Amino acid sequence: VEYLDALSTMTGTMTRSDALELFTL
């Protein structure tokens, strides 16, 4: 949950799909 919260603050203007792509890469 803590790592999820950290990533959620970094999405910015990205779409959810773009954010998931970038995080996974």
PDB file of all heavy atoms in Angstrom:
ATOM      1  N   VAL A   1       0.828  -1.209   0.000  1.00  0.00           N
ATOM      2  CA  VAL A   1       0.000   0.000   0.000  1.00  0.00           C
ATOM      3  C   VAL A   1       0.864   1.262   0.000  1.00  0.00           C
ATOM      4  O   VAL A   1       0.565   2.233  -0.706  1.00  0.00           O
ATOM      5  CB  VAL A   1      -0.946   0.008   1.218  1.00  0.00           C
ATOM      6  CG1 VAL A   1      -1.706   1.329   1.298  1.00  0.00           C
ATOM      7  CG2 VAL A   1      -1.923  -1.164   1.134  1.00  0.00           C
ATOM      8  N   GLU A   2       1.958   1.245   0.749  1.00  0.00           N
ATOM      9  CA  GLU A   2       2.835   2.419   0.813  1.00  0.00           C
ATOM     10  C   GLU A   2       3.499   2.679  -0.538  1.00  0.00           C
ATOM     11  O   GLU A   2       3.617   3.836  -0.976  1.00  0.00           O
ATOM     12  CB  GLU A   2       3.886   2.220   1.901  1.00  0.00           C
ATOM     13  CG  GLU A   2       3.309   2.253   3.317  1.00  0.00           C
ATOM     14  CD  GLU A   2       4.349   1.954   4.376  1.00  0.00           C
ATOM     15  OE1 GLU A   2       4.800   0.789   4.451  1.00  0.00           O
ATOM     16  OE2 GLU A   2       4.716   2.871   5.128  1.00  0.00           O
ATOM     17  N   TYR A   3       3.952   1.631  -1.194  1.00  0.00           N
ATOM     18  CA  TYR A   3       4.539   1.804  -2.531  1.00  0.00           C
ATOM     19  C   TYR A   3       3.465   2.234  -3.534  1.00  0.00           C
ATOM     20  O   TYR A   3       3.729   3.046  -4.434  1.00  0.00           O
ATOM     21  CB  TYR A   3       5.203   0.505  -2.994  1.00  0.00           C
ATOM     22  CG  TYR A   3       6.550   0.287  -2.353  1.00  0.00           C
ATOM     23  CD1 TYR A   3       6.716  -0.669  -1.351  1.00  0.00           C
ATOM     24  CD2 TYR A   3       7.657   1.036  -2.734  1.00  0.00           C
ATOM     25  CE1 TYR A   3       7.953  -0.870  -0.754  1.00  0.00           C
ATOM     26  CE2 TYR A   3       8.899   0.844  -2.145  1.00  0.00           C
ATOM     27  CZ  TYR A   3       9.042  -0.103  -1.153  1.00  0.00           C
ATOM     28  OH  TYR A   3      10.266  -0.291  -0.555  1.00  0.00           O
ATOM     29  N   LEU A   4       2.262   1.687  -3.384  1.00  0.00           N
ATOM     30  CA  LEU A   4       1.153   2.084  -4.257  1.00  0.00           C
ATOM     31  C   LEU A   4       0.858   3.568  -4.092  1.00  0.00           C
ATOM     32  O   LEU A   4       0.676   4.293  -5.081  1.00  0.00           O
ATOM     33  CB  LEU A   4      -0.084   1.252  -3.927  1.00  0.00           C
ATOM     34  CG  LEU A   4      -1.388   1.657  -4.619  1.00  0.00           C
ATOM     35  CD1 LEU A   4      -1.261   1.521  -6.125  1.00  0.00           C
ATOM     36  CD2 LEU A   4      -2.547   0.810  -4.098  1.00  0.00           C
ATOM     37  N   ASP A   5       0.820   4.031  -2.857  1.00  0.00           N
ATOM     38  CA  ASP A   5       0.559   5.455  -2.603  1.00  0.00           C
ATOM     39  C   ASP A   5       1.643   6.334  -3.231  1.00  0.00           C
ATOM     40  O   ASP A   5       1.352   7.399  -3.792  1.00  0.00           O
ATOM     41  CB  ASP A   5       0.494   5.715  -1.096  1.00  0.00           C
ATOM     42  CG  ASP A   5      -0.751   5.116  -0.456  1.00  0.00           C
ATOM     43  OD1 ASP A   5      -1.698   4.808  -1.195  1.00  0.00           O
ATOM     44  OD2 ASP A   5      -0.762   4.937   0.783  1.00  0.00           O
ATOM     45  N   ALA A   6       2.900   5.868  -3.130  1.00  0.00           N
ATOM     46  CA  ALA A   6       4.009   6.639  -3.700  1.00  0.00           C
ATOM     47  C   ALA A   6       3.865   6.761  -5.210  1.00  0.00           C
ATOM     48  O   ALA A   6       4.029   7.848  -5.786  1.00  0.00           O
ATOM     49  CB  ALA A   6       5.339   5.987  -3.333  1.00  0.00           C
ATOM     50  N   LEU A   7       3.536   5.653  -5.879  1.00  0.00           N
ATOM     51  CA  LEU A   7       3.381   5.685  -7.335  1.00  0.00           C
ATOM     52  C   LEU A   7       2.172   6.516  -7.754  1.00  0.00           C
ATOM     53  O   LEU A   7       2.210   7.215  -8.777  1.00  0.00           O
ATOM     54  CB  LEU A   7       3.246   4.259  -7.879  1.00  0.00           C
ATOM     55  CG  LEU A   7       4.503   3.383  -7.831  1.00  0.00           C
ATOM     56  CD1 LEU A   7       4.194   1.990  -8.353  1.00  0.00           C
ATOM     57  CD2 LEU A   7       5.632   4.007  -8.642  1.00  0.00           C
ATOM     58  N   SER A   8       1.115   6.448  -6.967  1.00  0.00           N
ATOM     59  CA  SER A   8      -0.113   7.174  -7.320  1.00  0.00           C
ATOM     60  C   SER A   8       0.109   8.680  -7.352  1.00  0.00           C
ATOM     61  O   SER A   8      -0.583   9.404  -8.078  1.00  0.00           O
ATOM     62  CB  SER A   8      -1.231   6.824  -6.343  1.00  0.00           C
ATOM     63  OG  SER A   8      -1.557   5.447  -6.430  1.00  0.00           O
ATOM     64  N   THR A   9       1.070   9.160  -6.581  1.00  0.00           N
ATOM     65  CA  THR A   9       1.367  10.604  -6.580  1.00  0.00           C
ATOM     66  C   THR A   9       2.207  11.017  -7.782  1.00  0.00           C
ATOM     67  O   THR A   9       2.439  12.211  -7.991  1.00  0.00           O
ATOM     68  CB  THR A   9       2.108  11.001  -5.288  1.00  0.00           C
ATOM     69  OG1 THR A   9       3.381  10.336  -5.245  1.00  0.00           O
ATOM     70  CG2 THR A   9       1.305  10.617  -4.056  1.00  0.00           C
ATOM     71  N   MET A  10       2.691  10.040  -8.544  1.00  0.00           N
ATOM     72  CA  MET A  10       3.600  10.337  -9.650  1.00  0.00           C
ATOM     73  C   MET A  10       2.946  10.214 -11.019  1.00  0.00           C
ATOM     74  O   MET A  10       3.621  10.307 -12.040  1.00  0.00           O
ATOM     75  CB  MET A  10       4.812   9.396  -9.589  1.00  0.00           C
ATOM     76  CG  MET A  10       5.613   9.525  -8.309  1.00  0.00           C
ATOM     77  SD  MET A  10       6.970   8.325  -8.223  1.00  0.00           S
ATOM     78  CE  MET A  10       7.519   8.561  -6.529  1.00  0.00           C
ATOM     79  N   THR A  11       1.640   9.994 -11.050  1.00  0.00           N
ATOM     80  CA  THR A  11       0.981   9.820 -12.349  1.00  0.00           C
ATOM     81  C   THR A  11       0.883  11.135 -13.119  1.00  0.00           C
ATOM     82  O   THR A  11       0.900  11.135 -14.352  1.00  0.00           O
ATOM     83  CB  THR A  11      -0.429   9.231 -12.163  1.00  0.00           C
ATOM     84  OG1 THR A  11      -1.177  10.083 -11.289  1.00  0.00           O
ATOM     85  CG2 THR A  11      -0.354   7.836 -11.576  1.00  0.00           C
ATOM     86  N   GLY A  12       0.789  12.245 -12.382  1.00  0.00           N
ATOM     87  CA  GLY A  12       0.729  13.545 -13.060  1.00  0.00           C
ATOM     88  C   GLY A  12      -0.412  13.604 -14.051  1.00  0.00           C
ATOM     89  O   GLY A  12      -1.550  13.244 -13.753  1.00  0.00           O
ATOM     90  N   THR A  13      -0.095  14.031 -15.279  1.00  0.00           N
ATOM     91  CA  THR A  13      -1.110  14.144 -16.327  1.00  0.00           C
ATOM     92  C   THR A  13      -1.201  12.874 -17.176  1.00  0.00           C
ATOM     93  O   THR A  13      -1.949  12.839 -18.149  1.00  0.00           O
ATOM     94  CB  THR A  13      -0.794  15.334 -17.246  1.00  0.00           C
ATOM     95  OG1 THR A  13       0.507  15.151 -17.826  1.00  0.00           O
ATOM     96  CG2 THR A  13      -0.834  16.640 -16.472  1.00  0.00           C
ATOM     97  N   MET A  14      -0.441  11.849 -16.808  1.00  0.00           N
ATOM     98  CA  MET A  14      -0.476  10.603 -17.573  1.00  0.00           C
ATOM     99  C   MET A  14      -1.836   9.921 -17.445  1.00  0.00           C
ATOM    100  O   MET A  14      -2.490  10.008 -16.409  1.00  0.00           O
ATOM    101  CB  MET A  14       0.600   9.628 -17.078  1.00  0.00           C
ATOM    102  CG  MET A  14       2.016   9.955 -17.457  1.00  0.00           C
ATOM    103  SD  MET A  14       3.175   8.622 -16.978  1.00  0.00           S
ATOM    104  CE  MET A  14       3.233   8.863 -15.191  1.00  0.00           C
ATOM    105  N   THR A  15      -2.241   9.213 -18.490  1.00  0.00           N
ATOM    106  CA  THR A  15      -3.401   8.339 -18.368  1.00  0.00           C
ATOM    107  C   THR A  15      -3.008   7.161 -17.488  1.00  0.00           C
ATOM    108  O   THR A  15      -1.818   6.897 -17.267  1.00  0.00           O
ATOM    109  CB  THR A  15      -3.847   7.802 -19.743  1.00  0.00           C
ATOM    110  OG1 THR A  15      -2.805   6.960 -20.285  1.00  0.00           O
ATOM    111  CG2 THR A  15      -4.140   8.944 -20.707  1.00  0.00           C
ATOM    112  N   ARG A  16      -3.998   6.448 -16.985  1.00  0.00           N
ATOM    113  CA  ARG A  16      -3.695   5.276 -16.153  1.00  0.00           C
ATOM    114  C   ARG A  16      -2.883   4.243 -16.933  1.00  0.00           C
ATOM    115  O   ARG A  16      -1.972   3.620 -16.401  1.00  0.00           O
ATOM    116  CB  ARG A  16      -4.989   4.637 -15.651  1.00  0.00           C
ATOM    117  CG  ARG A  16      -5.829   5.510 -14.761  1.00  0.00           C
ATOM    118  CD  ARG A  16      -5.197   5.757 -13.416  1.00  0.00           C
ATOM    119  NE  ARG A  16      -5.115   4.560 -12.594  1.00  0.00           N
ATOM    120  CZ  ARG A  16      -4.698   4.557 -11.331  1.00  0.00           C
ATOM    121  NH1 ARG A  16      -4.333   5.683 -10.762  1.00  0.00           N
ATOM    122  NH2 ARG A  16      -4.645   3.438 -10.639  1.00  0.00           N
ATOM    123  N   SER A  17      -3.208   4.073 -18.205  1.00  0.00           N
ATOM    124  CA  SER A  17      -2.490   3.088 -19.024  1.00  0.00           C
ATOM    125  C   SER A  17      -1.036   3.497 -19.230  1.00  0.00           C
ATOM    126  O   SER A  17      -0.126   2.672 -19.123  1.00  0.00           O
ATOM    127  CB  SER A  17      -3.184   2.909 -20.374  1.00  0.00           C
ATOM    128  OG  SER A  17      -4.468   2.364 -20.215  1.00  0.00           O
ATOM    129  N   ASP A  18      -0.813   4.789 -19.548  1.00  0.00           N
ATOM    130  CA  ASP A  18       0.557   5.266 -19.735  1.00  0.00           C
ATOM    131  C   ASP A  18       1.362   5.118 -18.446  1.00  0.00           C
ATOM    132  O   ASP A  18       2.538   4.727 -18.472  1.00  0.00           O
ATOM    133  CB  ASP A  18       0.551   6.737 -20.169  1.00  0.00           C
ATOM    134  CG  ASP A  18       0.200   6.906 -21.640  1.00  0.00           C
ATOM    135  OD1 ASP A  18       0.227   5.898 -22.372  1.00  0.00           O
ATOM    136  OD2 ASP A  18      -0.117   8.039 -22.051  1.00  0.00           O
ATOM    137  N   ALA A  19       0.729   5.446 -17.317  1.00  0.00           N
ATOM    138  CA  ALA A  19       1.425   5.337 -16.032  1.00  0.00           C
ATOM    139  C   ALA A  19       1.801   3.895 -15.740  1.00  0.00           C
ATOM    140  O   ALA A  19       2.928   3.605 -15.320  1.00  0.00           O
ATOM    141  CB  ALA A  19       0.542   5.895 -14.911  1.00  0.00           C
ATOM    142  N   LEU A  20       0.867   2.971 -15.978  1.00  0.00           N
ATOM    143  CA  LEU A  20       1.157   1.559 -15.717  1.00  0.00           C
ATOM    144  C   LEU A  20       2.265   1.059 -16.641  1.00  0.00           C
ATOM    145  O   LEU A  20       3.137   0.288 -16.217  1.00  0.00           O
ATOM    146  CB  LEU A  20      -0.110   0.717 -15.899  1.00  0.00           C
ATOM    147  CG  LEU A  20       0.032  -0.774 -15.575  1.00  0.00           C
ATOM    148  CD1 LEU A  20       0.484  -0.985 -14.134  1.00  0.00           C
ATOM    149  CD2 LEU A  20      -1.283  -1.512 -15.839  1.00  0.00           C
ATOM    150  N   GLU A  21       2.251   1.487 -17.898  1.00  0.00           N
ATOM    151  CA  GLU A  21       3.320   1.109 -18.834  1.00  0.00           C
ATOM    152  C   GLU A  21       4.676   1.577 -18.318  1.00  0.00           C
ATOM    153  O   GLU A  21       5.645   0.809 -18.278  1.00  0.00           O
ATOM    154  CB  GLU A  21       3.066   1.735 -20.212  1.00  0.00           C
ATOM    155  CG  GLU A  21       2.133   0.958 -21.104  1.00  0.00           C
ATOM    156  CD  GLU A  21       2.147   1.498 -22.518  1.00  0.00           C
ATOM    157  OE1 GLU A  21       3.185   2.044 -22.948  1.00  0.00           O
ATOM    158  OE2 GLU A  21       1.119   1.374 -23.212  1.00  0.00           O
ATOM    159  N   LEU A  22       4.746   2.852 -17.928  1.00  0.00           N
ATOM    160  CA  LEU A  22       6.015   3.420 -17.492  1.00  0.00           C
ATOM    161  C   LEU A  22       6.496   2.765 -16.199  1.00  0.00           C
ATOM    162  O   LEU A  22       7.675   2.420 -16.069  1.00  0.00           O
ATOM    163  CB  LEU A  22       5.867   4.936 -17.305  1.00  0.00           C
ATOM    164  CG  LEU A  22       7.148   5.702 -16.959  1.00  0.00           C
ATOM    165  CD1 LEU A  22       8.223   5.486 -18.022  1.00  0.00           C
ATOM    166  CD2 LEU A  22       6.850   7.187 -16.789  1.00  0.00           C
ATOM    167  N   PHE A  23       5.602   2.580 -15.235  1.00  0.00           N
ATOM    168  CA  PHE A  23       5.980   1.955 -13.966  1.00  0.00           C
ATOM    169  C   PHE A  23       6.476   0.527 -14.183  1.00  0.00           C
ATOM    170  O   PHE A  23       7.470   0.105 -13.589  1.00  0.00           O
ATOM    171  CB  PHE A  23       4.783   1.941 -13.001  1.00  0.00           C
ATOM    172  CG  PHE A  23       4.297   3.300 -12.584  1.00  0.00           C
ATOM    173  CD1 PHE A  23       3.026   3.466 -12.055  1.00  0.00           C
ATOM    174  CD2 PHE A  23       5.103   4.426 -12.715  1.00  0.00           C
ATOM    175  CE1 PHE A  23       2.570   4.709 -11.659  1.00  0.00           C
ATOM    176  CE2 PHE A  23       4.657   5.694 -12.329  1.00  0.00           C
ATOM    177  CZ  PHE A  23       3.379   5.819 -11.803  1.00  0.00           C
ATOM    178  N   THR A  24       5.779  -0.222 -15.043  1.00  0.00           N
ATOM    179  CA  THR A  24       6.165  -1.613 -15.291  1.00  0.00           C
ATOM    180  C   THR A  24       7.510  -1.685 -15.993  1.00  0.00           C
ATOM    181  O   THR A  24       8.360  -2.522 -15.653  1.00  0.00           O
ATOM    182  CB  THR A  24       5.088  -2.318 -16.146  1.00  0.00           C
ATOM    183  OG1 THR A  24       3.820  -2.225 -15.485  1.00  0.00           O
ATOM    184  CG2 THR A  24       5.433  -3.790 -16.348  1.00  0.00           C
ATOM    185  N   LEU A  25       7.711  -0.804 -16.970  1.00  0.00           N
ATOM    186  CA  LEU A  25       8.990  -0.780 -17.683  1.00  0.00           C
ATOM    187  C   LEU A  25      10.144  -0.502 -16.719  1.00  0.00           C
ATOM    188  O   LEU A  25      11.174  -1.193 -16.744  1.00  0.00           O
ATOM    189  CB  LEU A  25       8.954   0.281 -18.780  1.00  0.00           C
ATOM    190  CG  LEU A  25      10.265   0.459 -19.553  1.00  0.00           C
ATOM    191  CD1 LEU A  25      10.527  -0.738 -20.449  1.00  0.00           C
ATOM    192  CD2 LEU A  25      10.254   1.745 -20.362  1.00  0.00           C
TER     193      LEU A  25
END
